[in-house]
């Protein structure tokens, strides 16, 4: 409710969407799934990802996209 009147709805922000509407057999499958999503967004925004650790990759992805677009990034997961 707060955002409805306190948000500039005309301004566009970069968005990363991650959907966890599937099941994974183990942590390796989950990590691979997240890396594929990270790679997709890195390619879409033409930024590079070098770190191997999945958490560091996400942090760098957010930082790189924010720096490239000069905007804060919205991360949506479900």
PDB file of N, CA and C in Angstrom:
ATOM      1  N   UNK A   1       0.823  -1.187   0.000  1.00  0.00           N
ATOM      2  CA  UNK A   1       0.000   0.000   0.000  1.00  0.00           C
ATOM      3  C   UNK A   1       0.873   1.260   0.000  1.00  0.00           C
ATOM      4  N   UNK A   2       1.957   1.242   0.766  1.00  0.00           N
ATOM      5  CA  UNK A   2       2.817   2.416   0.854  1.00  0.00           C
ATOM      6  C   UNK A   2       3.368   2.791  -0.510  1.00  0.00           C
ATOM      7  N   UNK A   3       3.822   1.800  -1.260  1.00  0.00           N
ATOM      8  CA  UNK A   3       4.448   2.091  -2.551  1.00  0.00           C
ATOM      9  C   UNK A   3       3.489   2.689  -3.560  1.00  0.00           C
ATOM     10  N   UNK A   4       2.235   2.353  -3.461  1.00  0.00           N
ATOM     11  CA  UNK A   4       1.271   2.832  -4.455  1.00  0.00           C
ATOM     12  C   UNK A   4       1.322   4.348  -4.615  1.00  0.00           C
ATOM     13  N   UNK A   5       1.445   5.071  -3.525  1.00  0.00           N
ATOM     14  CA  UNK A   5       1.463   6.534  -3.585  1.00  0.00           C
ATOM     15  C   UNK A   5       2.860   7.121  -3.456  1.00  0.00           C
ATOM     16  N   UNK A   6       3.866   6.284  -3.204  1.00  0.00           N
ATOM     17  CA  UNK A   6       5.216   6.787  -2.970  1.00  0.00           C
ATOM     18  C   UNK A   6       6.235   6.200  -3.943  1.00  0.00           C
ATOM     19  N   UNK A   7       5.801   5.823  -5.097  1.00  0.00           N
ATOM     20  CA  UNK A   7       6.680   5.202  -6.085  1.00  0.00           C
ATOM     21  C   UNK A   7       6.465   5.897  -7.415  1.00  0.00           C
ATOM     22  N   UNK A   8       7.549   6.187  -8.117  1.00  0.00           N
ATOM     23  CA  UNK A   8       7.436   6.766  -9.457  1.00  0.00           C
ATOM     24  C   UNK A   8       7.208   5.628 -10.443  1.00  0.00           C
ATOM     25  N   UNK A   9       5.974   5.387 -10.801  1.00  0.00           N
ATOM     26  CA  UNK A   9       5.607   4.259 -11.657  1.00  0.00           C
ATOM     27  C   UNK A   9       6.025   4.471 -13.102  1.00  0.00           C
ATOM     28  N   UNK A  10       6.435   5.675 -13.470  1.00  0.00           N
ATOM     29  CA  UNK A  10       6.877   5.947 -14.836  1.00  0.00           C
ATOM     30  C   UNK A  10       8.342   5.577 -15.057  1.00  0.00           C
ATOM     31  N   UNK A  11       9.101   5.468 -13.987  1.00  0.00           N
ATOM     32  CA  UNK A  11      10.520   5.137 -14.104  1.00  0.00           C
ATOM     33  C   UNK A  11      10.705   3.622 -14.188  1.00  0.00           C
ATOM     34  N   UNK A  12      11.546   3.193 -15.125  1.00  0.00           N
ATOM     35  CA  UNK A  12      11.818   1.769 -15.331  1.00  0.00           C
ATOM     36  C   UNK A  12      13.076   1.368 -14.555  1.00  0.00           C
ATOM     37  N   UNK A  13      13.061   0.169 -14.001  1.00  0.00           N
ATOM     38  CA  UNK A  13      14.192  -0.368 -13.261  1.00  0.00           C
ATOM     39  C   UNK A  13      14.543  -1.736 -13.819  1.00  0.00           C
ATOM     40  N   UNK A  14      15.824  -2.108 -13.763  1.00  0.00           N
ATOM     41  CA  UNK A  14      16.180  -3.474 -14.167  1.00  0.00           C
ATOM     42  C   UNK A  14      15.621  -4.474 -13.168  1.00  0.00           C
ATOM     43  N   UNK A  15      15.185  -5.614 -13.680  1.00  0.00           N
ATOM     44  CA  UNK A  15      14.539  -6.619 -12.843  1.00  0.00           C
ATOM     45  C   UNK A  15      15.168  -7.980 -13.103  1.00  0.00           C
ATOM     46  N   UNK A  16      15.443  -8.712 -12.033  1.00  0.00           N
ATOM     47  CA  UNK A  16      15.835 -10.120 -12.117  1.00  0.00           C
ATOM     48  C   UNK A  16      14.702 -10.907 -11.477  1.00  0.00           C
ATOM     49  N   UNK A  17      14.150 -11.857 -12.240  1.00  0.00           N
ATOM     50  CA  UNK A  17      13.079 -12.711 -11.728  1.00  0.00           C
ATOM     51  C   UNK A  17      13.601 -14.135 -11.595  1.00  0.00           C
ATOM     52  N   UNK A  18      13.403 -14.712 -10.429  1.00  0.00           N
ATOM     53  CA  UNK A  18      13.787 -16.104 -10.200  1.00  0.00           C
ATOM     54  C   UNK A  18      12.561 -16.839  -9.676  1.00  0.00           C
ATOM     55  N   UNK A  19      12.167 -17.880 -10.380  1.00  0.00           N
ATOM     56  CA  UNK A  19      11.014 -18.665  -9.978  1.00  0.00           C
ATOM     57  C   UNK A  19      11.480 -20.023  -9.458  1.00  0.00           C
ATOM     58  N   UNK A  20      11.052 -20.365  -8.268  1.00  0.00           N
ATOM     59  CA  UNK A  20      11.386 -21.651  -7.674  1.00  0.00           C
ATOM     60  C   UNK A  20      10.159 -22.566  -7.688  1.00  0.00           C
ATOM     61  N   UNK A  21       9.467 -22.578  -8.821  1.00  0.00           N
ATOM     62  CA  UNK A  21       8.251 -23.378  -8.917  1.00  0.00           C
ATOM     63  C   UNK A  21       8.527 -24.792  -9.430  1.00  0.00           C
ATOM     64  N   UNK A  22       9.729 -25.246  -9.236  1.00  0.00           N
ATOM     65  CA  UNK A  22      10.105 -26.603  -9.612  1.00  0.00           C
ATOM     66  C   UNK A  22      10.804 -27.260  -8.429  1.00  0.00           C
ATOM     67  N   UNK A  23      11.000 -28.555  -8.491  1.00  0.00           N
ATOM     68  CA  UNK A  23      11.688 -29.240  -7.402  1.00  0.00           C
ATOM     69  C   UNK A  23      13.076 -29.671  -7.873  1.00  0.00           C
ATOM     70  N   UNK A  24      13.967 -29.791  -6.940  1.00  0.00           N
ATOM     71  CA  UNK A  24      15.348 -30.169  -7.228  1.00  0.00           C
ATOM     72  C   UNK A  24      15.699 -31.398  -6.404  1.00  0.00           C
ATOM     73  N   UNK A  25      16.458 -32.290  -6.996  1.00  0.00           N
ATOM     74  CA  UNK A  25      16.848 -33.516  -6.303  1.00  0.00           C
ATOM     75  C   UNK A  25      17.902 -33.269  -5.238  1.00  0.00           C
ATOM     76  N   UNK A  26      18.715 -32.223  -5.455  1.00  0.00           N
ATOM     77  CA  UNK A  26      19.795 -31.940  -4.519  1.00  0.00           C
ATOM     78  C   UNK A  26      20.261 -30.493  -4.689  1.00  0.00           C
ATOM     79  N   UNK A  27      21.189 -30.091  -3.843  1.00  0.00           N
ATOM     80  CA  UNK A  27      21.691 -28.716  -3.866  1.00  0.00           C
ATOM     81  C   UNK A  27      22.423 -28.404  -5.166  1.00  0.00           C
ATOM     82  N   UNK A  28      23.080 -29.386  -5.746  1.00  0.00           N
ATOM     83  CA  UNK A  28      23.797 -29.165  -7.003  1.00  0.00           C
ATOM     84  C   UNK A  28      22.840 -28.759  -8.120  1.00  0.00           C
ATOM     85  N   UNK A  29      21.691 -29.407  -8.207  1.00  0.00           N
ATOM     86  CA  UNK A  29      20.692 -29.050  -9.216  1.00  0.00           C
ATOM     87  C   UNK A  29      20.182 -27.632  -8.998  1.00  0.00           C
ATOM     88  N   UNK A  30      19.928 -27.276  -7.743  1.00  0.00           N
ATOM     89  CA  UNK A  30      19.471 -25.925  -7.423  1.00  0.00           C
ATOM     90  C   UNK A  30      20.524 -24.897  -7.819  1.00  0.00           C
ATOM     91  N   UNK A  31      21.789 -25.153  -7.458  1.00  0.00           N
ATOM     92  CA  UNK A  31      22.865 -24.223  -7.802  1.00  0.00           C
ATOM     93  C   UNK A  31      23.005 -24.066  -9.306  1.00  0.00           C
ATOM     94  N   UNK A  32      22.907 -25.157 -10.042  1.00  0.00           N
ATOM     95  CA  UNK A  32      23.014 -25.101 -11.501  1.00  0.00           C
ATOM     96  C   UNK A  32      21.864 -24.287 -12.094  1.00  0.00           C
ATOM     97  N   UNK A  33      20.676 -24.485 -11.570  1.00  0.00           N
ATOM     98  CA  UNK A  33      19.498 -23.731 -12.015  1.00  0.00           C
ATOM     99  C   UNK A  33      19.712 -22.232 -11.806  1.00  0.00           C
ATOM    100  N   UNK A  34      20.197 -21.860 -10.631  1.00  0.00           N
ATOM    101  CA  UNK A  34      20.430 -20.436 -10.334  1.00  0.00           C
ATOM    102  C   UNK A  34      21.531 -19.883 -11.229  1.00  0.00           C
ATOM    103  N   UNK A  35      22.587 -20.643 -11.480  1.00  0.00           N
ATOM    104  CA  UNK A  35      23.664 -20.179 -12.364  1.00  0.00           C
ATOM    105  C   UNK A  35      23.171 -19.945 -13.783  1.00  0.00           C
ATOM    106  N   UNK A  36      22.289 -20.801 -14.269  1.00  0.00           N
ATOM    107  CA  UNK A  36      21.718 -20.610 -15.611  1.00  0.00           C
ATOM    108  C   UNK A  36      20.932 -19.296 -15.664  1.00  0.00           C
ATOM    109  N   UNK A  37      20.157 -19.028 -14.632  1.00  0.00           N
ATOM    110  CA  UNK A  37      19.402 -17.773 -14.568  1.00  0.00           C
ATOM    111  C   UNK A  37      20.362 -16.584 -14.518  1.00  0.00           C
ATOM    112  N   UNK A  38      21.400 -16.687 -13.693  1.00  0.00           N
ATOM    113  CA  UNK A  38      22.379 -15.608 -13.597  1.00  0.00           C
ATOM    114  C   UNK A  38      23.046 -15.355 -14.952  1.00  0.00           C
ATOM    115  N   UNK A  39      23.421 -16.414 -15.634  1.00  0.00           N
ATOM    116  CA  UNK A  39      24.054 -16.270 -16.946  1.00  0.00           C
ATOM    117  C   UNK A  39      23.117 -15.611 -17.947  1.00  0.00           C
ATOM    118  N   UNK A  40      21.841 -15.969 -17.889  1.00  0.00           N
ATOM    119  CA  UNK A  40      20.851 -15.379 -18.793  1.00  0.00           C
ATOM    120  C   UNK A  40      20.769 -13.867 -18.598  1.00  0.00           C
ATOM    121  N   UNK A  41      20.691 -13.424 -17.349  1.00  0.00           N
ATOM    122  CA  UNK A  41      20.592 -11.990 -17.086  1.00  0.00           C
ATOM    123  C   UNK A  41      21.904 -11.270 -17.375  1.00  0.00           C
ATOM    124  N   UNK A  42      23.027 -11.922 -17.128  1.00  0.00           N
ATOM    125  CA  UNK A  42      24.320 -11.320 -17.471  1.00  0.00           C
ATOM    126  C   UNK A  42      24.400 -11.092 -18.981  1.00  0.00           C
ATOM    127  N   UNK A  43      23.938 -12.058 -19.745  1.00  0.00           N
ATOM    128  CA  UNK A  43      23.939 -11.921 -21.205  1.00  0.00           C
ATOM    129  C   UNK A  43      22.967 -10.828 -21.651  1.00  0.00           C
ATOM    130  N   UNK A  44      21.760 -10.825 -21.083  1.00  0.00           N
ATOM    131  CA  UNK A  44      20.753  -9.820 -21.455  1.00  0.00           C
ATOM    132  C   UNK A  44      21.239  -8.398 -21.207  1.00  0.00           C
ATOM    133  N   UNK A  45      21.946  -8.202 -20.101  1.00  0.00           N
ATOM    134  CA  UNK A  45      22.426  -6.866 -19.738  1.00  0.00           C
ATOM    135  C   UNK A  45      23.873  -6.631 -20.174  1.00  0.00           C
ATOM    136  N   UNK A  46      24.445  -7.617 -20.843  1.00  0.00           N
ATOM    137  CA  UNK A  46      25.814  -7.536 -21.364  1.00  0.00           C
ATOM    138  C   UNK A  46      26.818  -7.170 -20.276  1.00  0.00           C
ATOM    139  N   UNK A  47      26.769  -7.937 -19.191  1.00  0.00           N
ATOM    140  CA  UNK A  47      27.748  -7.791 -18.116  1.00  0.00           C
ATOM    141  C   UNK A  47      28.442  -9.133 -17.922  1.00  0.00           C
ATOM    142  N   UNK A  48      29.634  -9.104 -17.357  1.00  0.00           N
ATOM    143  CA  UNK A  48      30.417 -10.318 -17.159  1.00  0.00           C
ATOM    144  C   UNK A  48      30.309 -10.798 -15.718  1.00  0.00           C
ATOM    145  N   UNK A  49      30.320 -12.128 -15.584  1.00  0.00           N
ATOM    146  CA  UNK A  49      30.322 -12.766 -14.267  1.00  0.00           C
ATOM    147  C   UNK A  49      31.533 -13.679 -14.183  1.00  0.00           C
ATOM    148  N   UNK A  50      32.404 -13.445 -13.209  1.00  0.00           N
ATOM    149  CA  UNK A  50      33.590 -14.277 -13.055  1.00  0.00           C
ATOM    150  C   UNK A  50      33.563 -15.174 -11.823  1.00  0.00           C
ATOM    151  N   UNK A  51      32.970 -14.739 -10.724  1.00  0.00           N
ATOM    152  CA  UNK A  51      33.030 -15.566  -9.511  1.00  0.00           C
ATOM    153  C   UNK A  51      32.376 -16.934  -9.711  1.00  0.00           C
ATOM    154  N   UNK A  52      32.872 -17.911  -8.966  1.00  0.00           N
ATOM    155  CA  UNK A  52      32.318 -19.260  -9.053  1.00  0.00           C
ATOM    156  C   UNK A  52      31.247 -19.505  -7.993  1.00  0.00           C
ATOM    157  N   UNK A  53      31.393 -18.893  -6.820  1.00  0.00           N
ATOM    158  CA  UNK A  53      30.431 -19.093  -5.736  1.00  0.00           C
ATOM    159  C   UNK A  53      29.104 -18.450  -6.109  1.00  0.00           C
ATOM    160  N   UNK A  54      28.027 -19.183  -5.966  1.00  0.00           N
ATOM    161  CA  UNK A  54      26.714 -18.738  -6.435  1.00  0.00           C
ATOM    162  C   UNK A  54      26.262 -17.434  -5.771  1.00  0.00           C
ATOM    163  N   UNK A  55      26.543 -17.277  -4.487  1.00  0.00           N
ATOM    164  CA  UNK A  55      26.169 -16.048  -3.789  1.00  0.00           C
ATOM    165  C   UNK A  55      26.961 -14.853  -4.270  1.00  0.00           C
ATOM    166  N   UNK A  56      28.259 -15.043  -4.491  1.00  0.00           N
ATOM    167  CA  UNK A  56      29.111 -13.972  -4.991  1.00  0.00           C
ATOM    168  C   UNK A  56      28.707 -13.599  -6.414  1.00  0.00           C
ATOM    169  N   UNK A  57      28.340 -14.608  -7.212  1.00  0.00           N
ATOM    170  CA  UNK A  57      27.873 -14.343  -8.582  1.00  0.00           C
ATOM    171  C   UNK A  57      26.625 -13.453  -8.561  1.00  0.00           C
ATOM    172  N   UNK A  58      25.691 -13.760  -7.649  1.00  0.00           N
ATOM    173  CA  UNK A  58      24.467 -12.962  -7.583  1.00  0.00           C
ATOM    174  C   UNK A  58      24.776 -11.536  -7.164  1.00  0.00           C
ATOM    175  N   UNK A  59      25.642 -11.389  -6.169  1.00  0.00           N
ATOM    176  CA  UNK A  59      26.025 -10.065  -5.716  1.00  0.00           C
ATOM    177  C   UNK A  59      26.665  -9.268  -6.850  1.00  0.00           C
ATOM    178  N   UNK A  60      27.581  -9.902  -7.591  1.00  0.00           N
ATOM    179  CA  UNK A  60      28.254  -9.225  -8.698  1.00  0.00           C
ATOM    180  C   UNK A  60      27.287  -8.916  -9.833  1.00  0.00           C
ATOM    181  N   UNK A  61      26.359  -9.834 -10.093  1.00  0.00           N
ATOM    182  CA  UNK A  61      25.368  -9.596 -11.137  1.00  0.00           C
ATOM    183  C   UNK A  61      24.544  -8.352 -10.815  1.00  0.00           C
ATOM    184  N   UNK A  62      24.061  -8.262  -9.588  1.00  0.00           N
ATOM    185  CA  UNK A  62      23.274  -7.102  -9.165  1.00  0.00           C
ATOM    186  C   UNK A  62      24.104  -5.827  -9.261  1.00  0.00           C
ATOM    187  N   UNK A  63      25.330  -5.867  -8.749  1.00  0.00           N
ATOM    188  CA  UNK A  63      26.205  -4.691  -8.802  1.00  0.00           C
ATOM    189  C   UNK A  63      26.485  -4.270 -10.243  1.00  0.00           C
ATOM    190  N   UNK A  64      26.822  -5.232 -11.091  1.00  0.00           N
ATOM    191  CA  UNK A  64      27.174  -4.912 -12.481  1.00  0.00           C
ATOM    192  C   UNK A  64      25.996  -4.335 -13.257  1.00  0.00           C
ATOM    193  N   UNK A  65      24.816  -4.911 -13.073  1.00  0.00           N
ATOM    194  CA  UNK A  65      23.636  -4.386 -13.771  1.00  0.00           C
ATOM    195  C   UNK A  65      23.288  -2.997 -13.247  1.00  0.00           C
ATOM    196  N   UNK A  66      23.370  -2.805 -11.931  1.00  0.00           N
ATOM    197  CA  UNK A  66      23.085  -1.486 -11.350  1.00  0.00           C
ATOM    198  C   UNK A  66      24.056  -0.435 -11.862  1.00  0.00           C
ATOM    199  N   UNK A  67      25.335  -0.791 -11.921  1.00  0.00           N
ATOM    200  CA  UNK A  67      26.332   0.154 -12.431  1.00  0.00           C
ATOM    201  C   UNK A  67      26.092   0.460 -13.907  1.00  0.00           C
ATOM    202  N   UNK A  68      25.781  -0.555 -14.687  1.00  0.00           N
ATOM    203  CA  UNK A  68      25.577  -0.368 -16.123  1.00  0.00           C
ATOM    204  C   UNK A  68      24.349   0.495 -16.405  1.00  0.00           C
ATOM    205  N   UNK A  69      23.266   0.274 -15.658  1.00  0.00           N
ATOM    206  CA  UNK A  69      22.024   1.011 -15.905  1.00  0.00           C
ATOM    207  C   UNK A  69      21.921   2.288 -15.080  1.00  0.00           C
ATOM    208  N   UNK A  70      22.803   2.426 -14.095  1.00  0.00           N
ATOM    209  CA  UNK A  70      22.776   3.556 -13.169  1.00  0.00           C
ATOM    210  C   UNK A  70      21.437   3.631 -12.422  1.00  0.00           C
ATOM    211  N   UNK A  71      20.902   2.447 -12.108  1.00  0.00           N
ATOM    212  CA  UNK A  71      19.641   2.355 -11.376  1.00  0.00           C
ATOM    213  C   UNK A  71      19.726   1.224 -10.361  1.00  0.00           C
ATOM    214  N   UNK A  72      18.917   1.317  -9.335  1.00  0.00           N
ATOM    215  CA  UNK A  72      18.800   0.205  -8.400  1.00  0.00           C
ATOM    216  C   UNK A  72      18.082  -0.925  -9.104  1.00  0.00           C
ATOM    217  N   UNK A  73      18.402  -2.142  -8.686  1.00  0.00           N
ATOM    218  CA  UNK A  73      17.846  -3.319  -9.307  1.00  0.00           C
ATOM    219  C   UNK A  73      16.746  -3.926  -8.436  1.00  0.00           C
ATOM    220  N   UNK A  74      15.718  -4.446  -9.081  1.00  0.00           N
ATOM    221  CA  UNK A  74      14.629  -5.121  -8.383  1.00  0.00           C
ATOM    222  C   UNK A  74      14.833  -6.614  -8.545  1.00  0.00           C
ATOM    223  N   UNK A  75      14.857  -7.347  -7.436  1.00  0.00           N
ATOM    224  CA  UNK A  75      15.011  -8.796  -7.449  1.00  0.00           C
ATOM    225  C   UNK A  75      13.702  -9.416  -6.979  1.00  0.00           C
ATOM    226  N   UNK A  76      13.102 -10.214  -7.851  1.00  0.00           N
ATOM    227  CA  UNK A  76      11.829 -10.860  -7.525  1.00  0.00           C
ATOM    228  C   UNK A  76      12.045 -12.361  -7.532  1.00  0.00           C
ATOM    229  N   UNK A  77      11.693 -13.014  -6.438  1.00  0.00           N
ATOM    230  CA  UNK A  77      11.754 -14.471  -6.405  1.00  0.00           C
ATOM    231  C   UNK A  77      10.409 -14.990  -5.898  1.00  0.00           C
ATOM    232  N   UNK A  78      10.078 -16.140  -6.419  1.00  0.00           N
ATOM    233  CA  UNK A  78       8.834 -16.767  -5.962  1.00  0.00           C
ATOM    234  C   UNK A  78       8.988 -18.252  -5.982  1.00  0.00           C
TER     235      UNK A  78
END
